[in-house]
Amino acid sequence: MKKSLQALVCAVVLGLLGAASVSTASRAETGAVRVVFTKGGFIIGVGGGRGVLTFRGHHYPFTASGMSVGATIGASTMELVGRARNLHSPGDLVGTYSAIGAGAAVAGGAGGVALQNARGVVLELHGVKVGLELSAAVGGVTITMP
């Protein structure tokens, strides 16, 4: 019984210390992301789109462009929403994101993706894909801000 109580007290103390360290001012933040991305291709897929990052109550427009190489055929449009984690400023969103993925859409479907750039920003996006596309490709997306 005494060991159980000691373990519980240790767990509570460690939890409080962990919570205190997470709430520091230098901690990275999370922003909301919405993007519409259209792509198409045969073997090589290309695409682009526009989106908005909502961070600290402000809206920051951005453009996204990308290319994939592999088994790609067709065209689709994706409306994605999600979050950008590990942001210190809106400019951290800018960069090249790499991913290896596979997906399919025939007249509509759902999809999700998790991407990371060199600054450590992680995009976690999900949404609806409309069109006719099959892919199993290695690709990357580059995000720029005006």
Protein backbone atom coordinates (compact mmCIF):
# COMPACT_ATOMS: atom_id res chain seq x y z
CA MET A 1 0.00 0.00 0.00
CA LYS A 2 2.82 2.39 0.89
CA LYS A 3 4.56 1.74 -2.46
CA SER A 4 1.33 2.45 -4.33
CA LEU A 5 0.95 5.77 -2.53
CA GLN A 6 4.58 6.68 -3.28
CA ALA A 7 4.10 5.79 -6.95
CA LEU A 8 0.93 7.90 -7.11
CA VAL A 9 2.65 10.90 -5.46
CA CYS A 10 5.61 10.59 -7.86
CA ALA A 11 3.27 10.42 -10.86
CA VAL A 12 1.38 13.52 -9.72
CA VAL A 13 4.61 15.49 -9.13
CA LEU A 14 6.03 14.47 -12.51
CA GLY A 15 2.74 15.40 -14.17
CA LEU A 16 2.76 18.84 -12.55
CA LEU A 17 6.39 19.42 -13.53
CA GLY A 18 5.61 18.36 -17.10
CA ALA A 19 2.61 20.69 -17.28
CA ALA A 20 4.67 23.60 -15.93
CA SER A 21 7.42 23.08 -18.49
CA VAL A 22 4.92 22.89 -21.36
CA SER A 23 3.32 26.22 -20.43
CA THR A 24 6.45 28.36 -20.85
CA ALA A 25 6.37 31.44 -23.10
CA SER A 26 8.99 30.01 -25.47
CA ARG A 27 6.76 27.04 -26.30
CA ALA A 28 5.72 26.54 -29.90
CA GLU A 29 2.07 27.11 -30.76
CA THR A 30 -0.53 25.62 -33.08
CA GLY A 31 -2.38 27.39 -35.89
CA ALA A 32 -5.41 26.42 -37.97
CA VAL A 33 -4.90 25.73 -41.68
CA ARG A 34 -7.36 25.63 -44.59
CA VAL A 35 -6.17 24.95 -48.14
CA VAL A 36 -7.68 24.02 -51.51
CA PHE A 37 -5.20 22.05 -53.64
CA THR A 38 -5.73 20.85 -57.22
CA LYS A 39 -3.44 18.33 -58.87
CA GLY A 40 -3.28 16.15 -61.92
CA GLY A 41 -0.89 14.14 -63.97
CA PHE A 42 0.25 11.00 -65.66
CA ILE A 43 3.36 9.47 -64.00
CA ILE A 44 4.43 12.96 -62.86
CA GLY A 45 1.77 14.87 -60.96
CA VAL A 46 1.77 18.63 -60.48
CA GLY A 47 -0.53 20.80 -58.48
CA GLY A 48 -1.10 24.01 -56.65
CA GLY A 49 -3.47 25.83 -54.42
CA ARG A 50 -4.14 28.60 -51.97
CA GLY A 51 -4.74 28.56 -48.27
CA VAL A 52 -4.98 30.53 -45.06
CA LEU A 53 -3.14 30.07 -41.78
CA THR A 54 -5.00 31.39 -38.73
CA PHE A 55 -2.45 32.07 -36.00
CA ARG A 56 -2.82 34.17 -32.85
CA GLY A 57 -6.11 35.58 -34.14
CA HIS A 58 -4.74 36.77 -37.50
CA HIS A 59 -5.17 35.33 -41.00
CA TYR A 60 -2.11 34.77 -43.22
CA PRO A 61 -2.67 33.78 -46.87
CA PHE A 62 -0.24 31.38 -48.53
CA THR A 63 0.23 29.50 -51.76
CA ALA A 64 1.14 25.84 -52.11
CA SER A 65 2.71 24.11 -55.09
CA GLY A 66 3.88 20.58 -55.46
CA MET A 67 5.07 17.73 -57.60
CA SER A 68 5.00 13.98 -57.26
CA VAL A 69 6.84 11.28 -59.15
CA GLY A 70 5.50 7.73 -59.30
CA ALA A 71 2.30 6.01 -60.25
CA THR A 72 -0.05 8.98 -60.70
CA ILE A 73 -2.94 9.22 -63.14
CA GLY A 74 -5.94 11.56 -63.21
CA ALA A 75 -6.90 14.83 -61.56
CA SER A 76 -8.42 15.82 -58.26
CA THR A 77 -9.17 18.77 -56.01
CA MET A 78 -8.77 18.51 -52.27
CA GLU A 79 -10.21 20.84 -49.68
CA LEU A 80 -8.11 20.29 -46.58
CA VAL A 81 -8.39 21.61 -43.05
CA GLY A 82 -6.28 20.92 -40.02
CA ARG A 83 -3.51 22.36 -37.96
CA ALA A 84 0.07 23.50 -38.15
CA ARG A 85 1.97 22.53 -35.01
CA ASN A 86 5.32 23.82 -33.69
CA LEU A 87 4.89 27.42 -34.90
CA HIS A 88 6.78 30.29 -33.29
CA SER A 89 5.75 32.81 -35.97
CA PRO A 90 3.60 32.69 -39.13
CA GLY A 91 6.74 32.60 -41.30
CA ASP A 92 7.64 29.19 -39.88
CA LEU A 93 4.95 27.74 -42.18
CA VAL A 94 7.04 28.63 -45.26
CA GLY A 95 9.18 25.81 -46.65
CA THR A 96 9.21 22.49 -48.41
CA TYR A 97 7.27 19.60 -46.94
CA SER A 98 8.06 16.05 -47.95
CA ALA A 99 5.80 13.03 -47.82
CA ILE A 100 5.48 9.52 -49.13
CA GLY A 101 1.87 8.55 -49.57
CA ALA A 102 -0.77 6.72 -51.50
CA GLY A 103 -4.37 7.61 -52.10
CA ALA A 104 -7.32 7.26 -54.41
CA ALA A 105 -10.42 9.25 -55.28
CA VAL A 106 -13.22 8.36 -57.65
CA ALA A 107 -15.86 11.11 -57.75
CA GLY A 108 -15.16 11.83 -54.09
CA GLY A 109 -13.37 10.51 -51.08
CA ALA A 110 -11.69 11.46 -47.85
CA GLY A 111 -8.01 11.69 -47.16
CA GLY A 112 -5.46 12.87 -44.66
CA VAL A 113 -1.80 13.73 -44.59
CA ALA A 114 0.91 14.62 -42.09
CA LEU A 115 3.90 16.58 -43.43
CA GLN A 116 6.94 18.22 -41.84
CA ASN A 117 9.29 20.98 -43.00
CA ALA A 118 12.91 21.69 -42.06
CA ARG A 119 11.82 24.13 -39.30
CA GLY A 120 9.95 21.33 -37.54
CA VAL A 121 6.47 22.57 -38.43
CA VAL A 122 4.08 19.66 -38.75
CA LEU A 123 0.98 19.99 -40.93
CA GLU A 124 -1.82 17.61 -40.00
CA LEU A 125 -4.50 17.96 -42.67
CA HIS A 126 -7.62 16.05 -43.61
CA GLY A 127 -10.46 16.64 -45.99
CA VAL A 128 -12.38 15.71 -49.07
CA LYS A 129 -10.89 14.78 -52.43
CA VAL A 130 -13.06 15.21 -55.54
CA GLY A 131 -12.15 13.94 -59.02
CA LEU A 132 -10.69 10.86 -60.61
CA GLU A 133 -7.16 10.12 -59.46
CA LEU A 134 -5.08 7.13 -58.42
CA SER A 135 -1.65 7.66 -56.94
CA ALA A 136 1.19 5.94 -55.16
CA ALA A 137 3.89 8.53 -55.43
CA VAL A 138 6.72 10.32 -53.64
CA GLY A 139 6.01 14.02 -53.54
CA GLY A 140 6.67 17.32 -51.92
CA VAL A 141 4.78 20.53 -51.31
CA THR A 142 6.32 24.00 -51.12
CA ILE A 143 4.50 26.72 -49.20
CA THR A 144 5.22 30.41 -49.78
CA MET A 145 3.75 33.57 -48.30
CA PRO A 146 3.46 36.91 -50.07
